[in-house]
Amino acid sequence: MANWWIFDRGDILCLMANDSTIAVFQCRKDAELFSEQFDIKIEKV
């Protein structure tokens, strides 16, 4: 299983998997919903 997390850079949030960027969220609400739905933690950078 991939190690997934979301980097919160303030202006954008990036979905990461095994040190690779998978997706970029331009809306914080989308990232938060995704995080809750898939139980992925959000980390401030």
N, C-alpha and C. Protein backbone atom coordinates (compact mmCIF):
# COMPACT_ATOMS: atom_id res chain seq x y z
N MET A 1 0.85 -1.20 0.00
CA MET A 1 0.00 0.00 0.00
C MET A 1 0.88 1.25 0.00
N ALA A 2 0.54 2.18 -0.81
CA ALA A 2 1.30 3.43 -0.89
C ALA A 2 1.15 4.23 0.40
N ASN A 3 2.17 4.99 0.71
CA ASN A 3 2.13 5.89 1.85
C ASN A 3 1.58 7.23 1.36
N TRP A 4 0.32 7.52 1.67
CA TRP A 4 -0.37 8.70 1.16
C TRP A 4 -0.47 9.77 2.23
N TRP A 5 -0.32 11.03 1.84
CA TRP A 5 -0.58 12.15 2.73
C TRP A 5 -0.81 13.39 1.88
N ILE A 6 -1.28 14.44 2.52
CA ILE A 6 -1.52 15.71 1.83
C ILE A 6 -0.62 16.76 2.46
N PHE A 7 0.20 17.41 1.63
CA PHE A 7 1.05 18.52 2.09
C PHE A 7 0.26 19.81 2.00
N ASP A 8 0.16 20.52 3.09
CA ASP A 8 -0.51 21.83 3.13
C ASP A 8 0.58 22.89 3.04
N ARG A 9 0.71 23.50 1.86
CA ARG A 9 1.72 24.54 1.65
C ARG A 9 1.14 25.93 1.86
N GLY A 10 -0.08 26.00 2.31
CA GLY A 10 -0.72 27.29 2.56
C GLY A 10 -1.52 27.75 1.35
N ASP A 11 -0.84 27.91 0.20
CA ASP A 11 -1.54 28.37 -1.00
C ASP A 11 -2.17 27.20 -1.76
N ILE A 12 -1.50 26.07 -1.75
CA ILE A 12 -2.03 24.87 -2.41
C ILE A 12 -1.83 23.67 -1.50
N LEU A 13 -2.59 22.62 -1.76
CA LEU A 13 -2.42 21.36 -1.04
C LEU A 13 -2.13 20.28 -2.06
N CYS A 14 -1.09 19.47 -1.80
CA CYS A 14 -0.65 18.46 -2.75
C CYS A 14 -0.87 17.07 -2.17
N LEU A 15 -1.54 16.21 -2.93
CA LEU A 15 -1.69 14.82 -2.55
C LEU A 15 -0.42 14.09 -2.94
N MET A 16 0.23 13.46 -1.95
CA MET A 16 1.50 12.79 -2.18
C MET A 16 1.34 11.28 -1.95
N ALA A 17 2.11 10.50 -2.71
CA ALA A 17 2.17 9.06 -2.50
C ALA A 17 3.62 8.63 -2.73
N ASN A 18 4.22 8.06 -1.70
CA ASN A 18 5.61 7.61 -1.79
C ASN A 18 6.52 8.69 -2.37
N ASP A 19 6.43 9.91 -1.84
CA ASP A 19 7.27 11.05 -2.23
C ASP A 19 7.03 11.57 -3.64
N SER A 20 5.95 11.18 -4.28
CA SER A 20 5.59 11.72 -5.60
C SER A 20 4.27 12.47 -5.50
N THR A 21 4.17 13.59 -6.20
CA THR A 21 2.92 14.35 -6.21
C THR A 21 1.93 13.66 -7.15
N ILE A 22 0.77 13.32 -6.63
CA ILE A 22 -0.27 12.64 -7.39
C ILE A 22 -1.30 13.65 -7.90
N ALA A 23 -1.63 14.61 -7.06
CA ALA A 23 -2.65 15.60 -7.43
C ALA A 23 -2.41 16.88 -6.64
N VAL A 24 -2.93 17.97 -7.17
CA VAL A 24 -2.86 19.27 -6.49
C VAL A 24 -4.29 19.78 -6.30
N PHE A 25 -4.61 20.13 -5.05
CA PHE A 25 -5.92 20.69 -4.75
C PHE A 25 -5.79 22.20 -4.74
N GLN A 26 -6.63 22.90 -5.49
CA GLN A 26 -6.62 24.35 -5.48
C GLN A 26 -7.62 24.90 -4.47
N CYS A 27 -8.47 24.01 -3.95
CA CYS A 27 -9.48 24.41 -2.98
C CYS A 27 -9.25 23.61 -1.69
N ARG A 28 -9.04 24.32 -0.59
CA ARG A 28 -8.79 23.67 0.70
C ARG A 28 -9.93 22.73 1.09
N LYS A 29 -11.17 23.13 0.79
CA LYS A 29 -12.33 22.31 1.15
C LYS A 29 -12.27 20.95 0.46
N ASP A 30 -11.86 20.94 -0.83
CA ASP A 30 -11.73 19.67 -1.56
C ASP A 30 -10.71 18.77 -0.89
N ALA A 31 -9.59 19.34 -0.49
CA ALA A 31 -8.53 18.55 0.16
C ALA A 31 -9.02 17.99 1.50
N GLU A 32 -9.75 18.81 2.25
CA GLU A 32 -10.27 18.35 3.55
C GLU A 32 -11.28 17.23 3.38
N LEU A 33 -12.17 17.36 2.39
CA LEU A 33 -13.15 16.30 2.14
C LEU A 33 -12.46 15.01 1.69
N PHE A 34 -11.47 15.13 0.83
CA PHE A 34 -10.71 13.97 0.35
C PHE A 34 -10.01 13.30 1.54
N SER A 35 -9.41 14.12 2.39
CA SER A 35 -8.71 13.62 3.57
C SER A 35 -9.64 12.82 4.48
N GLU A 36 -10.84 13.36 4.72
CA GLU A 36 -11.81 12.68 5.59
C GLU A 36 -12.31 11.39 4.95
N GLN A 37 -12.60 11.44 3.67
CA GLN A 37 -13.18 10.28 2.99
C GLN A 37 -12.21 9.10 2.94
N PHE A 38 -10.93 9.39 2.72
CA PHE A 38 -9.96 8.31 2.54
C PHE A 38 -9.01 8.16 3.73
N ASP A 39 -9.30 8.88 4.84
CA ASP A 39 -8.50 8.83 6.06
C ASP A 39 -7.03 9.10 5.76
N ILE A 40 -6.77 10.21 5.08
CA ILE A 40 -5.41 10.62 4.74
C ILE A 40 -5.09 11.87 5.56
N LYS A 41 -3.94 11.86 6.22
CA LYS A 41 -3.61 13.01 7.07
C LYS A 41 -3.09 14.18 6.25
N ILE A 42 -3.37 15.39 6.77
CA ILE A 42 -2.89 16.62 6.16
C ILE A 42 -1.76 17.15 7.04
N GLU A 43 -0.60 17.40 6.42
CA GLU A 43 0.57 17.89 7.15
C GLU A 43 0.95 19.27 6.63
N LYS A 44 1.15 20.21 7.56
CA LYS A 44 1.62 21.55 7.19
C LYS A 44 3.10 21.47 6.84
N VAL A 45 3.48 22.20 5.80
CA VAL A 45 4.88 22.21 5.37
C VAL A 45 5.53 23.50 5.80
